[in-house]
Amino acid sequence: MTPRLLVLGAGPAQLGLLEAARARGLWVAVVDRDPAAPGFHLADRRCILSTEDEPAIERLVGALGIDGIISPGTDWPVGVAARIAERAALPHPISPQTAVLATNKLRQRERLAEAGVPQPRSWVVGNGDEPPAVDGPVVVKAPDRQGQKGLTLVVDPAALVPAIETARAAARSGLALIEELVDGPEVTVVGFSIDGVFTALTVTDRITAELPAFGVALAHVWPSSAADGQVGGQTRVVAEAAVAALGIENGPTYTQLRISPDGPQVIEVAARLGGGHDAELVEAVLGVDLNGLALDAALGNELVMTHHKPRVGGAVTRFLVAPPGILERVEVPEGLEARIYREPGYVFAPLRRGNDRAGAVLVTAESRAEAIAQADAAAAAVVFHLAAPALSYGSQGA
C-alpha cells in the first residue's frame, strides 16, 4: 500500500522534499495558506490552510488516512507536526517536548545554557520590564516566531525600545528576546541523527544580505572557509552538543553558528531540513540522500546513513533576487538548471524576508573558488522581465 504523507508547507523551502517524495511514489497531501505556493504542483491533494492551524491539520490527518507528517524548511510547524503525530500515534523523529525546545528561541536559549553550550548573551523583556543596558549591537526577535517576523538589528541604543515593541507585538507570548550580535562570520552545520548518533554532513558559509534584509541568506558556500581546520572541528563539536542538549536523537538538524574570536557560538538549532535547498547541496556534495532520510524518519522507516565522502571540491547554493515589480517572464539560458519560485503575475517586493527571493541555482565545481564564480555567472544569466517598472533586469545578490 502506498504510504500517505502530509507535508506542512508548499513554498520554496519545501520543494526539494516534495520532489523527493514524488520520486519515491508517495501519496502526498500538502498544506499551505497560499493558493499559488510553488510546491502545490507536486501534491496529490492541495490543502489550503495555514500550517499553524493545528486543529484543522489534525482533522486532515484522520480524514486522509495519513501515515506520516513532516515540516521541512520552516520552524513553527515542526511543533505542530510533533504534537499531532503523538496524538495520532504516528511515527515522528522528535517528541513534542523536544519540538518546543527547537521552535521556541527562549526555551532553546535556556536549555543550551544549562548544557554549557556556547551562545550569545541574551535578555528577555516582557510587559513593564526595563530594557537591558547593552554595550554593542544586538538582535531583537520574537522568540516564538520564524523567519524575519519581529526581527530587528539594533546598532543605535536609541532604537532598542522600538525594536522591543516590534518583537513583542509579533510574539505569541508578548516577550522579546534580545541577543548580542556576535562578531564573526556565520556558518551552517547540516546534520542528521540516528538513535542519538549525530553526523555533521556539511559546514557552509552563510552569506547574508545587507540591511534592511537582515538575516536573509543570499548564498550557502561549501566548504566553509570560516570554519576550516581546527575551527571546523570545533564547529562540528559545538553543533553536536547543541543538538544533544535539545534532545534531538533522530532526524535532520540545521544549526546556525557565528565564529567569534573565542570560538563557535550557537545562534539557533532547528529540528528540520534547512529551508535553503540544504538537502540538495548535501546530496550534490556527498551523495547522501538527506531528503530521503527525512522522509524515512517521518514515515517510521529504518534509518541508514550511507557512506559519505566529498565528490566535488566546491558547491554553492545561490539565491536569485528580482527587482520590485510584476513578473512577466523569466529567461533562463539553455542548459542552466535554476529553480524559479514564482509564476507570471507575481508582485516582487524589495528584499526584506527570505520569502522575497525569486529562485535559486545550485552549482558544483572542482574548487570552492570555481563554484563561487560559476554561481555568480549563473545568477547573472537569469533575467527577470517585469511589467512595472517597464524594464528588464538581471538577478541581483551577493
Protein backbone atom coordinates (compact mmCIF):
# COMPACT_ATOMS: atom_id res chain seq x y z
CA MET A 1 0.00 0.00 0.00
CA THR A 2 1.36 3.42 -0.95
CA PRO A 3 2.38 5.46 2.13
CA ARG A 4 0.42 8.66 2.59
CA LEU A 5 2.44 11.69 3.72
CA LEU A 6 1.27 15.10 4.92
CA VAL A 7 3.75 17.94 4.28
CA LEU A 8 3.36 21.24 6.11
CA GLY A 9 4.30 23.94 3.62
CA ALA A 10 4.32 24.25 -0.17
CA GLY A 11 6.76 27.14 -0.51
CA PRO A 12 10.29 27.27 -1.91
CA ALA A 13 11.67 25.79 1.32
CA GLN A 14 9.69 22.59 0.79
CA LEU A 15 10.37 21.99 -2.92
CA GLY A 16 13.29 19.58 -2.52
CA LEU A 17 11.48 17.27 -0.14
CA LEU A 18 8.30 17.36 -2.23
CA GLU A 19 10.29 16.39 -5.31
CA ALA A 20 11.91 13.53 -3.36
CA ALA A 21 8.51 12.31 -2.16
CA ARG A 22 7.19 12.38 -5.72
CA ALA A 23 10.25 10.45 -6.95
CA ARG A 24 9.58 7.77 -4.32
CA GLY A 25 5.99 7.39 -5.44
CA LEU A 26 4.49 8.53 -2.15
CA TRP A 27 0.95 9.89 -1.98
CA VAL A 28 1.39 13.45 -0.73
CA ALA A 29 -1.05 15.94 0.75
CA VAL A 30 0.35 19.45 1.18
CA VAL A 31 -0.82 22.23 3.50
CA ASP A 32 -0.22 25.91 2.72
CA ARG A 33 -2.38 29.01 3.00
CA ASP A 34 -1.06 30.44 -0.30
CA PRO A 35 -3.04 29.01 -3.26
CA ALA A 36 -0.15 30.00 -5.56
CA ALA A 37 2.55 28.24 -3.49
CA PRO A 38 5.03 26.65 -5.93
CA GLY A 39 5.03 23.24 -4.25
CA PHE A 40 1.35 22.58 -4.84
CA HIS A 41 2.04 21.23 -8.32
CA LEU A 42 3.83 18.31 -6.64
CA ALA A 43 0.86 17.44 -4.40
CA ASP A 44 -1.75 14.74 -4.83
CA ARG A 45 -4.01 16.71 -2.52
CA ARG A 46 -3.85 20.51 -2.05
CA CYS A 47 -5.00 21.70 1.36
CA ILE A 48 -5.28 25.50 1.52
CA LEU A 49 -4.80 26.04 5.23
CA SER A 50 -2.32 27.79 7.45
CA THR A 51 0.48 25.46 8.55
CA GLU A 52 -0.18 26.80 12.06
CA ASP A 53 -3.86 25.73 12.10
CA GLU A 54 -3.26 22.71 14.31
CA PRO A 55 -6.90 21.61 14.83
CA ALA A 56 -7.68 21.69 11.11
CA ILE A 57 -4.47 19.84 10.23
CA GLU A 58 -5.23 17.18 12.83
CA ARG A 59 -8.64 16.65 11.27
CA LEU A 60 -6.95 16.24 7.88
CA VAL A 61 -4.65 13.54 9.27
CA GLY A 62 -7.63 11.46 10.28
CA ALA A 63 -9.75 12.18 7.22
CA LEU A 64 -6.97 11.39 4.73
CA GLY A 65 -5.55 8.31 6.47
CA ILE A 66 -2.10 9.86 6.81
CA ASP A 67 0.88 7.63 7.67
CA GLY A 68 3.41 10.35 8.42
CA ILE A 69 3.65 14.13 8.85
CA ILE A 70 6.64 16.40 8.26
CA SER A 71 7.51 20.10 8.37
CA PRO A 72 10.62 20.77 6.27
CA GLY A 73 12.13 24.22 5.90
CA THR A 74 10.10 26.18 8.49
CA ASP A 75 10.23 26.12 12.28
CA TRP A 76 6.87 26.63 13.97
CA PRO A 77 5.03 23.80 12.13
CA VAL A 78 7.69 21.39 13.45
CA GLY A 79 5.90 21.56 16.80
CA VAL A 80 2.51 21.21 15.12
CA ALA A 81 3.70 18.05 13.35
CA ALA A 82 5.21 16.54 16.50
CA ARG A 83 2.11 17.11 18.62
CA ILE A 84 -0.30 15.79 16.01
CA ALA A 85 1.90 12.76 15.37
CA GLU A 86 1.91 11.89 19.08
CA ARG A 87 -1.87 12.20 19.43
CA ALA A 88 -2.49 10.24 16.20
CA ALA A 89 0.07 7.55 17.14
CA LEU A 90 2.09 8.29 14.01
CA PRO A 91 5.86 7.90 13.77
CA HIS A 92 7.87 11.08 14.22
CA PRO A 93 11.60 11.70 14.75
CA ILE A 94 11.17 14.08 17.72
CA SER A 95 8.79 14.38 20.66
CA PRO A 96 6.54 17.38 21.30
CA GLN A 97 8.77 18.28 24.25
CA THR A 98 11.86 18.38 22.04
CA ALA A 99 9.90 20.31 19.41
CA VAL A 100 9.23 23.07 21.95
CA LEU A 101 12.97 23.45 22.54
CA ALA A 102 13.59 23.51 18.80
CA THR A 103 10.93 26.09 17.95
CA ASN A 104 10.89 28.46 20.93
CA LYS A 105 14.08 30.50 20.95
CA LEU A 106 13.73 31.46 24.60
CA ARG A 107 13.35 27.86 25.77
CA GLN A 108 16.20 26.89 23.49
CA ARG A 109 18.49 29.54 24.97
CA GLU A 110 17.66 28.28 28.48
CA ARG A 111 18.41 24.66 27.61
CA LEU A 112 21.67 25.46 25.82
CA ALA A 113 22.77 27.50 28.84
CA GLU A 114 22.00 24.57 31.16
CA ALA A 115 24.14 22.32 28.95
CA GLY A 116 27.02 24.80 28.77
CA VAL A 117 26.78 25.19 25.00
CA PRO A 118 28.49 28.43 23.88
CA GLN A 119 25.99 31.02 22.69
CA PRO A 120 25.50 34.82 22.65
CA ARG A 121 24.49 36.70 25.77
CA SER A 122 20.74 37.26 25.84
CA TRP A 123 17.99 39.06 27.76
CA VAL A 124 14.21 38.63 27.90
CA VAL A 125 11.89 41.64 28.09
CA GLY A 126 8.19 41.45 28.88
CA ASN A 127 5.47 43.94 29.66
CA GLY A 128 6.72 46.57 32.08
CA ASP A 129 10.33 45.36 32.05
CA GLU A 130 13.13 47.85 31.68
CA PRO A 131 15.32 47.27 28.59
CA PRO A 132 18.80 45.95 29.41
CA ALA A 133 21.87 48.16 29.28
CA VAL A 134 23.59 46.72 26.22
CA ASP A 135 27.10 47.71 25.18
CA GLY A 136 27.10 46.87 21.49
CA PRO A 137 24.94 45.75 18.56
CA VAL A 138 22.10 43.39 19.44
CA VAL A 139 19.44 41.42 17.61
CA VAL A 140 15.89 41.73 18.92
CA LYS A 141 13.45 38.99 17.96
CA ALA A 142 10.14 37.38 18.79
CA PRO A 143 11.20 34.12 20.47
CA ASP A 144 8.26 32.10 19.18
CA ARG A 145 8.11 33.25 15.56
CA GLN A 146 10.01 32.22 12.46
CA GLY A 147 11.74 33.91 9.57
CA GLN A 148 12.15 37.66 9.95
CA LYS A 149 8.90 38.28 11.86
CA GLY A 150 9.59 40.84 14.56
CA LEU A 151 13.35 40.73 13.88
CA THR A 152 15.48 43.89 14.17
CA LEU A 153 19.19 44.56 14.21
CA VAL A 154 19.87 47.37 16.70
CA VAL A 155 23.10 49.32 16.38
CA ASP A 156 21.93 52.63 17.88
CA PRO A 157 20.80 52.24 21.55
CA ALA A 158 18.01 54.73 20.87
CA ALA A 159 16.40 52.15 18.58
CA LEU A 160 16.29 49.41 21.23
CA VAL A 161 12.90 50.27 22.75
CA PRO A 162 11.07 50.46 19.36
CA ALA A 163 12.70 47.15 18.38
CA ILE A 164 11.47 45.55 21.59
CA GLU A 165 7.95 46.80 20.89
CA THR A 166 8.11 45.36 17.36
CA ALA A 167 9.24 41.97 18.64
CA ARG A 168 6.68 41.85 21.45
CA ALA A 169 3.88 42.77 19.05
CA ALA A 170 4.88 39.88 16.76
CA ALA A 171 5.43 37.32 19.54
CA ARG A 172 2.73 34.91 20.63
CA SER A 173 3.98 35.21 24.21
CA GLY A 174 4.32 39.01 24.24
CA LEU A 175 8.01 38.63 25.07
CA ALA A 176 11.04 39.99 23.25
CA LEU A 177 14.37 38.15 23.14
CA ILE A 178 17.47 40.33 22.89
CA GLU A 179 20.75 38.72 21.82
CA GLU A 180 24.17 40.24 21.45
CA LEU A 181 25.38 40.28 17.85
CA VAL A 182 28.42 38.05 17.87
CA ASP A 183 31.30 39.47 15.86
CA GLY A 184 32.33 36.95 13.22
CA PRO A 185 31.22 35.09 10.10
CA GLU A 186 28.08 32.95 10.09
CA VAL A 187 28.13 29.25 9.22
CA THR A 188 25.57 26.47 9.00
CA VAL A 189 26.02 22.86 10.07
CA VAL A 190 23.61 20.47 8.36
CA GLY A 191 23.39 17.19 10.23
CA PHE A 192 21.38 14.04 10.74
CA SER A 193 20.96 11.93 13.87
CA ILE A 194 20.17 8.23 14.16
CA ASP A 195 19.47 6.77 17.61
CA GLY A 196 21.35 9.62 19.24
CA VAL A 197 24.39 9.44 16.95
CA PHE A 198 24.88 12.81 15.23
CA THR A 199 26.62 13.17 11.88
CA ALA A 200 27.68 16.62 10.68
CA LEU A 201 27.28 16.37 6.92
CA THR A 202 28.25 19.84 5.69
CA VAL A 203 29.54 23.09 7.14
CA THR A 204 28.77 26.01 4.85
CA ASP A 205 29.39 29.74 4.93
CA ARG A 206 26.07 31.56 5.12
CA ILE A 207 26.31 34.75 3.04
CA THR A 208 23.56 37.18 4.02
CA ALA A 209 22.01 40.31 2.54
CA GLU A 210 22.72 43.86 3.65
CA LEU A 211 20.21 45.86 5.67
CA PRO A 212 17.26 46.17 5.66
CA ALA A 213 17.13 42.44 4.76
CA PHE A 214 18.95 41.41 7.94
CA GLY A 215 19.38 37.65 8.28
CA VAL A 216 18.24 36.76 4.74
CA ALA A 217 20.63 34.29 3.10
CA LEU A 218 21.88 35.06 -0.40
CA ALA A 219 24.16 32.04 -0.67
CA HIS A 220 25.40 28.91 1.08
CA VAL A 221 29.02 28.14 0.17
CA TRP A 222 30.76 24.77 0.73
CA PRO A 223 33.30 24.09 2.03
CA SER A 224 33.31 26.79 4.69
CA SER A 225 36.39 28.97 4.76
CA ALA A 226 35.31 30.46 8.08
CA ALA A 227 35.20 27.07 9.78
CA ASP A 228 38.07 25.05 8.32
CA GLY A 229 40.83 23.14 10.05
CA GLN A 230 40.69 23.20 13.86
CA VAL A 231 37.85 25.74 13.87
CA GLY A 232 35.84 23.42 11.64
CA GLY A 233 36.30 20.61 14.14
CA GLN A 234 35.20 22.87 16.99
CA THR A 235 32.17 23.98 14.99
CA ARG A 236 31.04 20.39 14.47
CA VAL A 237 31.56 19.59 18.16
CA VAL A 238 29.55 22.62 19.29
CA ALA A 239 26.74 21.81 16.84
CA GLU A 240 26.64 18.23 18.08
CA ALA A 241 26.48 19.41 21.70
CA ALA A 242 23.61 21.77 20.87
CA VAL A 243 21.62 19.07 19.10
CA ALA A 244 22.14 16.69 22.03
CA ALA A 245 21.16 19.38 24.56
CA LEU A 246 17.77 19.76 22.87
CA GLY A 247 17.19 16.02 22.96
CA ILE A 248 17.17 15.53 19.19
CA GLU A 249 18.07 11.85 18.73
CA ASN A 250 16.66 11.23 15.24
CA GLY A 251 16.15 13.22 12.09
CA PRO A 252 17.65 16.22 10.34
CA THR A 253 19.03 19.34 12.03
CA TYR A 254 20.07 22.75 10.82
CA THR A 255 22.36 24.67 13.18
CA GLN A 256 23.43 28.27 12.63
CA LEU A 257 26.57 29.48 14.39
CA ARG A 258 28.85 32.51 14.36
CA ILE A 259 32.60 32.06 14.59
CA SER A 260 33.59 34.55 17.28
CA PRO A 261 37.18 35.33 18.35
CA ASP A 262 36.50 32.95 21.27
CA GLY A 263 35.21 30.14 19.07
CA PRO A 264 31.88 28.98 17.59
CA GLN A 265 28.67 30.18 19.24
CA VAL A 266 25.21 28.78 18.51
CA ILE A 267 22.68 31.21 17.07
CA GLU A 268 19.90 28.63 16.76
CA VAL A 269 19.14 24.97 16.15
CA ALA A 270 16.26 23.74 14.01
CA ALA A 271 15.00 20.14 14.11
CA ARG A 272 14.22 20.02 10.41
CA LEU A 273 15.67 20.25 6.95
CA GLY A 274 17.11 23.65 6.10
CA GLY A 275 14.93 25.92 4.02
CA GLY A 276 17.61 26.93 1.52
CA HIS A 277 17.92 23.71 -0.52
CA ASP A 278 20.49 22.46 2.01
CA ALA A 279 19.49 18.83 1.49
CA GLU A 280 20.12 19.14 -2.24
CA LEU A 281 23.55 20.65 -1.58
CA VAL A 282 24.37 17.75 0.76
CA GLU A 283 23.41 15.25 -1.92
CA ALA A 284 25.40 17.11 -4.59
CA VAL A 285 28.50 17.23 -2.37
CA LEU A 286 28.36 13.88 -0.56
CA GLY A 287 25.85 11.72 -2.39
CA VAL A 288 23.77 11.41 0.80
CA ASP A 289 20.02 11.50 0.11
CA LEU A 290 19.12 13.78 3.02
CA ASN A 291 15.59 14.40 1.74
CA GLY A 292 15.11 10.64 1.59
CA LEU A 293 16.38 10.22 5.14
CA ALA A 294 13.94 12.89 6.33
CA LEU A 295 11.10 11.06 4.58
CA ASP A 296 12.12 7.79 6.23
CA ALA A 297 12.18 9.50 9.63
CA ALA A 298 8.68 10.89 9.09
CA LEU A 299 7.27 7.54 7.99
CA GLY A 300 8.95 5.42 10.66
CA ASN A 301 11.22 3.56 8.25
CA GLU A 302 14.64 2.23 9.22
CA LEU A 303 17.25 4.99 9.14
CA VAL A 304 20.50 4.08 7.42
CA MET A 305 23.27 6.60 6.77
CA THR A 306 25.12 5.78 3.57
CA HIS A 307 28.88 6.23 3.30
CA HIS A 308 29.63 9.85 2.61
CA LYS A 309 32.76 11.26 1.05
CA PRO A 310 33.08 14.53 -0.91
CA ARG A 311 32.51 14.04 -4.62
CA VAL A 312 33.31 17.63 -5.62
CA GLY A 313 35.68 20.34 -4.43
CA GLY A 314 33.15 23.16 -4.05
CA ALA A 315 29.44 23.87 -4.15
CA VAL A 316 27.23 26.95 -3.88
CA THR A 317 23.51 27.44 -3.50
CA ARG A 318 22.95 30.95 -4.79
CA PHE A 319 19.57 32.66 -4.39
CA LEU A 320 18.11 34.86 -7.10
CA VAL A 321 16.68 38.26 -6.27
CA ALA A 322 14.38 40.03 -8.70
CA PRO A 323 13.84 43.81 -8.69
CA PRO A 324 10.46 45.06 -7.44
CA GLY A 325 7.67 44.80 -9.97
CA ILE A 326 5.12 42.50 -11.59
CA LEU A 327 6.72 39.40 -13.10
CA GLU A 328 6.02 38.89 -16.80
CA ARG A 329 8.52 36.14 -17.61
CA VAL A 330 11.94 34.77 -16.74
CA GLU A 331 14.74 33.98 -19.18
CA VAL A 332 16.90 31.03 -18.12
CA PRO A 333 19.75 30.16 -20.50
CA GLU A 334 19.58 26.74 -22.11
CA GLY A 335 21.49 24.18 -20.09
CA LEU A 336 21.26 26.11 -16.82
CA GLU A 337 19.24 24.46 -14.08
CA ALA A 338 17.53 27.11 -11.99
CA ARG A 339 14.63 26.99 -9.59
CA ILE A 340 12.21 29.83 -10.24
CA TYR A 341 9.79 30.20 -7.37
CA ARG A 342 7.14 32.45 -8.87
CA GLU A 343 4.75 32.45 -11.83
CA PRO A 344 3.96 35.41 -14.13
CA GLY A 345 1.77 37.95 -12.36
CA TYR A 346 3.57 37.64 -9.05
CA VAL A 347 4.45 41.01 -7.50
CA PHE A 348 8.03 41.13 -6.24
CA ALA A 349 8.64 43.42 -3.28
CA PRO A 350 12.04 44.79 -2.22
CA LEU A 351 14.12 42.14 -0.49
CA ARG A 352 13.22 42.06 3.20
CA ARG A 353 12.50 38.39 4.00
CA GLY A 354 13.52 35.01 2.71
CA ASN A 355 10.16 34.71 1.00
CA ASP A 356 11.06 37.70 -1.20
CA ARG A 357 13.73 35.69 -3.02
CA ALA A 358 12.88 34.75 -6.59
CA GLY A 359 14.71 31.46 -7.09
CA ALA A 360 18.00 29.64 -6.72
CA VAL A 361 20.79 27.90 -8.58
CA LEU A 362 22.98 25.08 -7.24
CA VAL A 363 26.47 24.83 -8.72
CA THR A 364 29.24 22.29 -8.08
CA ALA A 365 32.85 22.56 -9.25
CA GLU A 366 36.36 21.30 -8.63
CA SER A 367 37.08 24.03 -6.08
CA ARG A 368 35.28 26.45 -3.81
CA ALA A 369 36.51 29.46 -5.79
CA GLU A 370 35.39 27.96 -9.09
CA ALA A 371 31.95 27.13 -7.64
CA ILE A 372 31.52 30.72 -6.45
CA ALA A 373 32.49 32.11 -9.84
CA GLN A 374 30.16 29.76 -11.68
CA ALA A 375 27.27 30.51 -9.29
CA ASP A 376 27.77 34.26 -9.79
CA ALA A 377 27.75 33.80 -13.55
CA ALA A 378 24.66 31.58 -13.44
CA ALA A 379 22.76 34.08 -11.29
CA ALA A 380 23.68 36.96 -13.60
CA ALA A 381 22.47 34.98 -16.61
CA VAL A 382 18.93 34.63 -15.28
CA VAL A 383 16.87 37.63 -16.42
CA PHE A 384 13.58 38.71 -14.84
CA HIS A 385 11.25 40.70 -17.08
CA LEU A 386 8.85 42.88 -15.14
CA ALA A 387 5.79 44.89 -16.13
CA ALA A 388 6.48 47.64 -13.60
CA PRO A 389 8.85 49.24 -13.84
CA ALA A 390 8.87 48.55 -17.57
CA LEU A 391 12.46 47.39 -17.74
CA SER A 392 14.36 44.10 -17.74
CA TYR A 393 16.95 43.35 -15.08
CA GLY A 394 19.42 40.61 -14.31
CA SER A 395 19.04 38.96 -10.90
CA GLN A 396 20.69 40.72 -8.01
CA GLY A 397 22.51 39.41 -4.96
CA ALA A 398 25.88 38.90 -3.33
